[in-house]
N, C-alpha and C. Protein backbone atom coordinates (compact mmCIF):
# COMPACT_ATOMS: atom_id res chain seq x y z
N MET A 1 183.58 -7.06 -25.35
CA MET A 1 182.76 -7.74 -26.33
C MET A 1 182.87 -9.27 -26.22
N PRO A 2 184.03 -9.87 -25.95
CA PRO A 2 184.06 -11.33 -25.81
C PRO A 2 183.14 -11.84 -24.70
N ALA A 3 183.03 -11.08 -23.61
CA ALA A 3 182.13 -11.50 -22.53
C ALA A 3 180.68 -11.48 -23.00
N ASP A 4 180.32 -10.47 -23.79
CA ASP A 4 178.96 -10.40 -24.34
C ASP A 4 178.68 -11.61 -25.22
N CYS A 5 179.64 -11.99 -26.03
CA CYS A 5 179.48 -13.14 -26.93
C CYS A 5 179.30 -14.42 -26.13
N ASP A 6 180.03 -14.56 -25.04
CA ASP A 6 179.90 -15.74 -24.20
C ASP A 6 178.50 -15.84 -23.60
N VAL A 7 177.96 -14.71 -23.16
CA VAL A 7 176.61 -14.68 -22.59
C VAL A 7 175.58 -15.07 -23.65
N LEU A 8 175.68 -14.47 -24.83
CA LEU A 8 174.73 -14.80 -25.90
C LEU A 8 174.83 -16.27 -26.29
N GLU A 9 176.05 -16.79 -26.36
CA GLU A 9 176.24 -18.19 -26.72
C GLU A 9 175.62 -19.12 -25.68
N SER A 10 175.72 -18.78 -24.40
CA SER A 10 175.13 -19.64 -23.37
C SER A 10 173.61 -19.66 -23.46
N VAL A 11 173.00 -18.52 -23.78
CA VAL A 11 171.54 -18.48 -23.97
C VAL A 11 171.16 -19.29 -25.20
N ARG A 12 171.89 -19.09 -26.28
CA ARG A 12 171.62 -19.82 -27.53
C ARG A 12 171.69 -21.33 -27.30
N LEU A 13 172.76 -21.80 -26.70
CA LEU A 13 172.93 -23.24 -26.49
C LEU A 13 171.90 -23.81 -25.53
N GLY A 14 171.56 -23.05 -24.48
CA GLY A 14 170.55 -23.51 -23.53
C GLY A 14 169.20 -23.68 -24.20
N SER A 15 168.86 -22.77 -25.08
CA SER A 15 167.60 -22.84 -25.80
C SER A 15 167.58 -23.99 -26.80
N ILE A 16 168.64 -24.14 -27.56
CA ILE A 16 168.71 -25.19 -28.58
C ILE A 16 168.66 -26.57 -27.93
N LYS A 17 169.43 -26.77 -26.87
CA LYS A 17 169.46 -28.08 -26.21
C LYS A 17 168.09 -28.44 -25.66
N ALA A 18 167.40 -27.49 -25.07
CA ALA A 18 166.10 -27.76 -24.48
C ALA A 18 165.04 -28.03 -25.54
N ALA A 19 165.17 -27.43 -26.69
CA ALA A 19 164.17 -27.61 -27.74
C ALA A 19 164.21 -29.02 -28.31
N SER A 20 165.34 -29.65 -28.22
CA SER A 20 165.58 -31.00 -28.74
C SER A 20 165.02 -31.19 -30.15
N ALA A 21 165.01 -30.11 -30.89
CA ALA A 21 164.61 -30.17 -32.30
C ALA A 21 165.88 -30.03 -33.14
N GLY A 22 165.79 -30.42 -34.37
CA GLY A 22 166.94 -30.26 -35.25
C GLY A 22 167.20 -28.79 -35.49
N TRP A 23 168.42 -28.36 -35.28
CA TRP A 23 168.79 -26.96 -35.49
C TRP A 23 169.97 -26.92 -36.45
N PRO A 24 169.97 -25.96 -37.34
CA PRO A 24 171.06 -25.86 -38.31
C PRO A 24 172.33 -25.32 -37.66
N ALA A 25 173.41 -25.46 -38.36
CA ALA A 25 174.64 -24.81 -37.92
C ALA A 25 174.37 -23.31 -37.87
N VAL A 26 174.91 -22.64 -36.88
CA VAL A 26 174.63 -21.22 -36.71
C VAL A 26 175.89 -20.40 -36.89
N THR A 27 175.69 -19.16 -37.26
CA THR A 27 176.79 -18.23 -37.45
C THR A 27 177.42 -17.92 -36.10
N ALA A 28 178.73 -17.78 -36.06
CA ALA A 28 179.41 -17.41 -34.83
C ALA A 28 178.88 -16.06 -34.35
N ILE A 29 178.62 -15.98 -33.06
CA ILE A 29 178.04 -14.75 -32.51
C ILE A 29 178.95 -13.55 -32.75
N GLU A 30 180.25 -13.73 -32.61
CA GLU A 30 181.17 -12.61 -32.85
C GLU A 30 181.00 -12.04 -34.26
N GLU A 31 180.85 -12.93 -35.21
CA GLU A 31 180.67 -12.52 -36.60
C GLU A 31 179.31 -11.86 -36.79
N ARG A 32 178.28 -12.43 -36.17
CA ARG A 32 176.92 -11.91 -36.33
C ARG A 32 176.80 -10.49 -35.78
N ILE A 33 177.26 -10.26 -34.55
CA ILE A 33 177.04 -8.95 -33.94
C ILE A 33 177.98 -7.88 -34.48
N ALA A 34 179.02 -8.30 -35.18
CA ALA A 34 179.94 -7.32 -35.77
C ALA A 34 179.46 -6.85 -37.15
N ALA A 35 178.47 -7.53 -37.71
CA ALA A 35 178.00 -7.18 -39.05
C ALA A 35 177.30 -5.83 -39.05
N GLN A 36 177.45 -5.12 -40.13
CA GLN A 36 176.85 -3.79 -40.26
C GLN A 36 175.33 -3.89 -40.33
N GLY A 37 174.65 -3.02 -39.60
CA GLY A 37 173.20 -2.97 -39.62
C GLY A 37 172.52 -4.03 -38.77
N VAL A 38 173.27 -4.75 -37.95
CA VAL A 38 172.72 -5.80 -37.11
C VAL A 38 172.60 -5.29 -35.68
N PHE A 39 171.45 -5.57 -35.07
CA PHE A 39 171.17 -5.12 -33.71
C PHE A 39 170.78 -6.31 -32.85
N THR A 40 171.38 -6.43 -31.67
CA THR A 40 171.08 -7.51 -30.74
C THR A 40 170.59 -6.91 -29.44
N TYR A 41 169.49 -7.47 -28.93
CA TYR A 41 168.90 -7.00 -27.68
C TYR A 41 168.79 -8.17 -26.72
N LEU A 42 169.34 -7.98 -25.53
CA LEU A 42 169.43 -9.01 -24.52
C LEU A 42 168.35 -8.79 -23.47
N ALA A 43 167.66 -9.86 -23.09
CA ALA A 43 166.69 -9.83 -21.99
C ALA A 43 167.36 -10.45 -20.78
N GLU A 44 167.28 -9.76 -19.66
CA GLU A 44 167.93 -10.29 -18.46
C GLU A 44 167.21 -9.84 -17.21
N ASP A 45 167.35 -10.65 -16.16
CA ASP A 45 166.95 -10.27 -14.81
C ASP A 45 168.22 -10.38 -13.99
N ALA A 46 168.33 -11.32 -13.11
CA ALA A 46 169.60 -11.51 -12.41
C ALA A 46 170.68 -12.03 -13.36
N ALA A 47 170.24 -12.69 -14.41
CA ALA A 47 171.16 -13.21 -15.43
C ALA A 47 170.44 -13.15 -16.78
N PRO A 48 171.19 -13.10 -17.87
CA PRO A 48 170.58 -13.10 -19.20
C PRO A 48 169.76 -14.37 -19.45
N PHE A 49 168.60 -14.20 -20.10
CA PHE A 49 167.76 -15.36 -20.36
C PHE A 49 167.22 -15.42 -21.79
N GLY A 50 167.48 -14.42 -22.60
CA GLY A 50 167.01 -14.46 -23.97
C GLY A 50 167.58 -13.32 -24.77
N TYR A 51 167.49 -13.42 -26.09
CA TYR A 51 167.90 -12.31 -26.94
C TYR A 51 167.28 -12.45 -28.32
N VAL A 52 167.24 -11.32 -29.02
CA VAL A 52 166.80 -11.28 -30.40
C VAL A 52 167.82 -10.45 -31.17
N THR A 53 168.16 -10.92 -32.37
CA THR A 53 169.09 -10.22 -33.25
C THR A 53 168.38 -9.99 -34.58
N VAL A 54 168.41 -8.75 -35.05
CA VAL A 54 167.75 -8.41 -36.32
C VAL A 54 168.71 -7.64 -37.21
N GLY A 55 168.41 -7.64 -38.49
CA GLY A 55 169.24 -6.90 -39.43
C GLY A 55 168.80 -7.15 -40.85
N PRO A 56 169.67 -6.81 -41.78
CA PRO A 56 169.35 -7.07 -43.18
C PRO A 56 169.31 -8.58 -43.44
N PRO A 57 168.54 -9.01 -44.42
CA PRO A 57 168.43 -10.45 -44.68
C PRO A 57 169.75 -11.05 -45.16
N VAL A 58 170.17 -12.12 -44.47
CA VAL A 58 171.44 -12.76 -44.83
C VAL A 58 171.32 -14.27 -44.94
N SER A 59 170.20 -14.85 -44.59
CA SER A 59 170.11 -16.31 -44.51
C SER A 59 170.34 -16.99 -45.85
N VAL A 60 169.78 -16.45 -46.89
CA VAL A 60 169.97 -17.02 -48.22
C VAL A 60 170.33 -15.86 -49.14
N GLU A 61 171.58 -15.77 -49.47
CA GLU A 61 172.04 -14.66 -50.28
C GLU A 61 171.28 -14.60 -51.60
N GLY A 62 170.78 -13.43 -51.90
CA GLY A 62 170.07 -13.23 -53.14
C GLY A 62 168.58 -13.54 -53.07
N TYR A 63 168.14 -14.23 -52.03
CA TYR A 63 166.72 -14.58 -51.94
C TYR A 63 165.87 -13.35 -51.61
N PHE A 64 166.35 -12.54 -50.67
CA PHE A 64 165.65 -11.32 -50.29
C PHE A 64 166.57 -10.14 -50.56
N ASP A 65 166.55 -9.64 -51.79
CA ASP A 65 167.40 -8.51 -52.14
C ASP A 65 166.75 -7.17 -51.86
N ASP A 66 165.49 -7.18 -51.52
CA ASP A 66 164.74 -5.96 -51.28
C ASP A 66 165.24 -5.28 -50.00
N ARG A 67 165.61 -4.01 -50.09
CA ARG A 67 166.09 -3.28 -48.92
C ARG A 67 165.00 -3.04 -47.89
N GLU A 68 163.76 -3.24 -48.28
CA GLU A 68 162.66 -3.02 -47.35
C GLU A 68 162.34 -4.26 -46.54
N VAL A 69 163.16 -5.30 -46.67
CA VAL A 69 162.97 -6.53 -45.91
C VAL A 69 164.04 -6.59 -44.83
N GLY A 70 163.60 -6.89 -43.62
CA GLY A 70 164.52 -7.13 -42.52
C GLY A 70 164.36 -8.57 -42.06
N GLU A 71 165.37 -9.06 -41.38
CA GLU A 71 165.33 -10.46 -40.94
C GLU A 71 165.55 -10.56 -39.45
N ILE A 72 164.78 -11.42 -38.82
CA ILE A 72 165.06 -11.81 -37.44
C ILE A 72 166.09 -12.91 -37.58
N LEU A 73 167.33 -12.56 -37.28
CA LEU A 73 168.45 -13.46 -37.52
C LEU A 73 168.58 -14.54 -36.44
N GLU A 74 168.31 -14.14 -35.21
CA GLU A 74 168.37 -15.08 -34.09
C GLU A 74 167.32 -14.66 -33.07
N TRP A 75 166.72 -15.67 -32.43
CA TRP A 75 165.65 -15.41 -31.46
C TRP A 75 165.65 -16.59 -30.50
N TYR A 76 166.21 -16.38 -29.32
CA TYR A 76 166.39 -17.47 -28.36
C TYR A 76 165.92 -17.06 -26.97
N LEU A 77 165.37 -18.05 -26.27
CA LEU A 77 164.90 -17.86 -24.90
C LEU A 77 165.19 -19.14 -24.12
N LEU A 78 165.74 -18.99 -22.92
CA LEU A 78 166.00 -20.16 -22.10
C LEU A 78 164.68 -20.84 -21.72
N PRO A 79 164.69 -22.16 -21.64
CA PRO A 79 163.45 -22.90 -21.42
C PRO A 79 162.74 -22.60 -20.11
N ARG A 80 163.44 -22.15 -19.11
CA ARG A 80 162.77 -21.86 -17.83
C ARG A 80 161.74 -20.75 -17.97
N LEU A 81 161.82 -19.99 -19.06
CA LEU A 81 160.87 -18.89 -19.26
C LEU A 81 159.95 -19.10 -20.47
N TRP A 82 159.98 -20.31 -21.03
CA TRP A 82 159.03 -20.61 -22.08
C TRP A 82 157.62 -20.52 -21.49
N GLN A 83 156.68 -20.10 -22.27
CA GLN A 83 155.28 -19.96 -21.87
C GLN A 83 155.05 -18.82 -20.87
N ALA A 84 156.02 -17.92 -20.71
CA ALA A 84 155.86 -16.79 -19.79
C ALA A 84 155.68 -15.46 -20.53
N GLY A 85 155.65 -15.50 -21.85
CA GLY A 85 155.43 -14.29 -22.64
C GLY A 85 156.69 -13.57 -23.08
N TYR A 86 157.86 -14.03 -22.64
CA TYR A 86 159.11 -13.34 -22.99
C TYR A 86 159.51 -13.58 -24.44
N GLY A 87 159.22 -14.76 -24.97
CA GLY A 87 159.53 -15.01 -26.37
C GLY A 87 158.77 -14.05 -27.27
N ARG A 88 157.51 -13.84 -26.96
CA ARG A 88 156.70 -12.90 -27.73
C ARG A 88 157.23 -11.48 -27.58
N LYS A 89 157.62 -11.10 -26.36
CA LYS A 89 158.15 -9.75 -26.14
C LYS A 89 159.43 -9.53 -26.92
N LEU A 90 160.30 -10.53 -26.95
CA LEU A 90 161.53 -10.41 -27.73
C LEU A 90 161.20 -10.28 -29.22
N LEU A 91 160.25 -11.08 -29.68
CA LEU A 91 159.84 -11.03 -31.08
C LEU A 91 159.29 -9.64 -31.43
N VAL A 92 158.41 -9.12 -30.60
CA VAL A 92 157.84 -7.79 -30.84
C VAL A 92 158.93 -6.72 -30.83
N HIS A 93 159.89 -6.85 -29.93
CA HIS A 93 160.98 -5.88 -29.90
C HIS A 93 161.77 -5.93 -31.21
N GLY A 94 162.07 -7.12 -31.67
CA GLY A 94 162.80 -7.24 -32.93
C GLY A 94 162.03 -6.66 -34.10
N LEU A 95 160.73 -6.90 -34.15
CA LEU A 95 159.89 -6.35 -35.21
C LEU A 95 159.83 -4.83 -35.14
N THR A 96 159.79 -4.30 -33.93
CA THR A 96 159.77 -2.85 -33.75
C THR A 96 161.05 -2.22 -34.29
N VAL A 97 162.17 -2.85 -34.02
CA VAL A 97 163.45 -2.33 -34.53
C VAL A 97 163.45 -2.35 -36.05
N LEU A 98 162.98 -3.44 -36.65
CA LEU A 98 162.94 -3.51 -38.11
C LEU A 98 162.01 -2.44 -38.68
N LYS A 99 160.88 -2.24 -38.06
CA LYS A 99 159.94 -1.21 -38.53
C LYS A 99 160.59 0.17 -38.44
N ARG A 100 161.28 0.45 -37.36
CA ARG A 100 161.97 1.74 -37.20
C ARG A 100 163.12 1.90 -38.17
N ARG A 101 163.63 0.79 -38.68
CA ARG A 101 164.68 0.82 -39.71
C ARG A 101 164.07 0.88 -41.11
N LEU A 102 162.77 1.16 -41.17
CA LEU A 102 162.01 1.36 -42.41
C LEU A 102 161.81 0.08 -43.22
N CYS A 103 161.80 -1.04 -42.55
CA CYS A 103 161.49 -2.30 -43.22
C CYS A 103 159.98 -2.43 -43.34
N GLU A 104 159.53 -2.89 -44.49
CA GLU A 104 158.10 -3.11 -44.70
C GLU A 104 157.70 -4.56 -44.44
N ARG A 105 158.70 -5.46 -44.44
CA ARG A 105 158.44 -6.87 -44.19
C ARG A 105 159.54 -7.42 -43.30
N ALA A 106 159.16 -8.41 -42.50
CA ALA A 106 160.13 -9.13 -41.67
C ALA A 106 160.11 -10.60 -42.05
N VAL A 107 161.28 -11.20 -42.11
CA VAL A 107 161.42 -12.61 -42.46
C VAL A 107 162.17 -13.31 -41.33
N ILE A 108 161.80 -14.54 -41.07
CA ILE A 108 162.52 -15.37 -40.11
C ILE A 108 162.53 -16.80 -40.65
N TRP A 109 163.63 -17.50 -40.40
CA TRP A 109 163.77 -18.91 -40.77
C TRP A 109 163.75 -19.72 -39.48
N VAL A 110 162.93 -20.77 -39.46
CA VAL A 110 162.76 -21.57 -38.25
C VAL A 110 162.81 -23.05 -38.62
N PRO A 111 163.53 -23.85 -37.84
CA PRO A 111 163.50 -25.29 -38.11
C PRO A 111 162.07 -25.82 -38.04
N GLU A 112 161.72 -26.69 -38.97
CA GLU A 112 160.34 -27.19 -39.01
C GLU A 112 159.96 -27.92 -37.73
N ALA A 113 160.92 -28.42 -36.97
CA ALA A 113 160.63 -29.13 -35.73
C ALA A 113 160.41 -28.18 -34.54
N ALA A 114 160.60 -26.89 -34.73
CA ALA A 114 160.46 -25.91 -33.64
C ALA A 114 158.99 -25.49 -33.51
N SER A 115 158.16 -26.40 -33.07
CA SER A 115 156.72 -26.17 -33.06
C SER A 115 156.30 -25.00 -32.17
N ARG A 116 156.96 -24.81 -31.05
CA ARG A 116 156.61 -23.67 -30.16
C ARG A 116 156.86 -22.35 -30.87
N SER A 117 158.00 -22.25 -31.52
CA SER A 117 158.33 -21.01 -32.23
C SER A 117 157.36 -20.77 -33.38
N ILE A 118 157.04 -21.81 -34.11
CA ILE A 118 156.13 -21.68 -35.25
C ILE A 118 154.74 -21.26 -34.77
N GLN A 119 154.30 -21.82 -33.66
CA GLN A 119 152.99 -21.44 -33.10
C GLN A 119 152.99 -19.96 -32.71
N LEU A 120 154.05 -19.49 -32.08
CA LEU A 120 154.12 -18.09 -31.69
C LEU A 120 154.17 -17.18 -32.91
N LEU A 121 154.90 -17.58 -33.94
CA LEU A 121 154.95 -16.79 -35.17
C LEU A 121 153.56 -16.70 -35.80
N ASP A 122 152.83 -17.79 -35.81
CA ASP A 122 151.47 -17.79 -36.34
C ASP A 122 150.58 -16.83 -35.55
N GLN A 123 150.68 -16.88 -34.24
CA GLN A 123 149.89 -15.97 -33.40
C GLN A 123 150.26 -14.51 -33.62
N ALA A 124 151.52 -14.27 -33.99
CA ALA A 124 151.99 -12.90 -34.21
C ALA A 124 151.69 -12.40 -35.62
N GLY A 125 151.04 -13.22 -36.43
CA GLY A 125 150.65 -12.78 -37.76
C GLY A 125 151.64 -13.07 -38.87
N PHE A 126 152.60 -13.94 -38.62
CA PHE A 126 153.53 -14.34 -39.68
C PHE A 126 152.83 -15.33 -40.61
N GLU A 127 153.19 -15.28 -41.87
CA GLU A 127 152.66 -16.18 -42.88
C GLU A 127 153.80 -17.03 -43.41
N PRO A 128 153.55 -18.32 -43.65
CA PRO A 128 154.61 -19.16 -44.23
C PRO A 128 154.89 -18.74 -45.67
N LEU A 129 156.15 -18.79 -46.03
CA LEU A 129 156.57 -18.54 -47.41
C LEU A 129 156.88 -19.87 -48.07
N ASP A 130 156.89 -19.88 -49.36
CA ASP A 130 157.24 -21.09 -50.10
C ASP A 130 158.76 -21.09 -50.30
N ALA A 131 159.47 -21.23 -49.19
CA ALA A 131 160.94 -21.23 -49.23
C ALA A 131 161.45 -22.10 -48.09
N GLU A 132 162.55 -22.78 -48.34
CA GLU A 132 163.15 -23.61 -47.31
C GLU A 132 164.66 -23.68 -47.50
N ILE A 133 165.31 -24.00 -46.41
CA ILE A 133 166.75 -24.25 -46.42
C ILE A 133 166.93 -25.64 -45.82
N VAL A 134 167.64 -26.49 -46.50
CA VAL A 134 167.93 -27.82 -45.98
C VAL A 134 169.42 -27.89 -45.70
N SER A 135 169.75 -28.20 -44.45
CA SER A 135 171.15 -28.28 -44.02
C SER A 135 171.43 -29.69 -43.53
N ASN A 136 172.57 -30.19 -43.91
CA ASN A 136 173.02 -31.48 -43.38
C ASN A 136 173.99 -31.19 -42.25
N THR A 137 173.55 -31.52 -41.05
CA THR A 137 174.37 -31.27 -39.87
C THR A 137 174.50 -32.57 -39.09
N ASN A 138 175.36 -32.56 -38.14
CA ASN A 138 175.50 -33.70 -37.26
C ASN A 138 174.50 -33.52 -36.13
N PRO A 139 173.51 -34.30 -35.93
CA PRO A 139 173.39 -35.69 -36.33
C PRO A 139 172.49 -35.95 -37.52
N GLY A 140 171.98 -34.95 -38.20
CA GLY A 140 171.08 -35.26 -39.31
C GLY A 140 170.76 -34.05 -40.15
N THR A 141 169.70 -34.16 -40.90
CA THR A 141 169.27 -33.11 -41.80
C THR A 141 168.28 -32.19 -41.09
N VAL A 142 168.45 -30.87 -41.29
CA VAL A 142 167.56 -29.88 -40.70
C VAL A 142 166.89 -29.12 -41.83
N ARG A 143 165.58 -29.05 -41.77
CA ARG A 143 164.81 -28.30 -42.76
C ARG A 143 164.28 -27.04 -42.07
N GLN A 144 164.67 -25.88 -42.59
CA GLN A 144 164.19 -24.61 -42.06
C GLN A 144 163.13 -24.05 -43.00
N LEU A 145 162.10 -23.48 -42.41
CA LEU A 145 161.02 -22.89 -43.17
C LEU A 145 161.04 -21.37 -42.98
N ALA A 146 160.65 -20.66 -44.01
CA ALA A 146 160.62 -19.20 -43.97
C ALA A 146 159.22 -18.71 -43.63
N TYR A 147 159.18 -17.68 -42.79
CA TYR A 147 157.92 -17.01 -42.43
C TYR A 147 158.12 -15.52 -42.62
N GLU A 148 157.03 -14.84 -42.95
CA GLU A 148 157.10 -13.42 -43.26
C GLU A 148 155.95 -12.69 -42.59
N LYS A 149 156.24 -11.45 -42.17
CA LYS A 149 155.20 -10.60 -41.59
C LYS A 149 155.23 -9.25 -42.28
N ASP A 150 154.07 -8.79 -42.68
CA ASP A 150 153.90 -7.46 -43.25
C ASP A 150 153.95 -6.45 -42.10
N LEU A 151 154.88 -5.51 -42.18
CA LEU A 151 155.03 -4.52 -41.11
C LEU A 151 154.35 -3.19 -41.42
N SER A 152 153.66 -3.10 -42.55
CA SER A 152 153.09 -1.81 -42.95
C SER A 152 152.10 -1.27 -41.93
N SER A 153 151.39 -2.14 -41.22
CA SER A 153 150.45 -1.66 -40.21
C SER A 153 150.84 -2.13 -38.82
N PHE A 154 152.12 -2.45 -38.64
CA PHE A 154 152.59 -2.96 -37.34
C PHE A 154 152.38 -1.94 -36.23
N PHE A 155 152.73 -0.69 -36.48
CA PHE A 155 152.40 0.42 -35.56
C PHE A 155 152.41 1.71 -36.32
């Protein structure tokens, strides 16, 4: 398991650095993947290049108490594969897992500066919610926006 965490962390950091957008402090991968009801799926060819992690909503305790809501907890892709369709495939895979776990809605939090991610979410039918998380991190403040997708007719 430590080797798996190292691989996920390298993909996460590669994606965050390339995005050069403000990103909030993130949960340790070891803690994230050990949580009950959390599923992580790795995309790889000769080496890992992306992953999606889904599970019960945890970003803002008490905000989404509904058991029928699932959250895309992490969604990262190395920049060499941006614009190749893999980000969308990872997103669809995560939504499929949530739907199979009987979730009726999916929620994701994205830094407002992550324009590529927000554009893809819009294309995938996510709607912005009137919710935000503001984090003070080094080197500055990060504002995350919530997006939601109705999964009732996903498949």
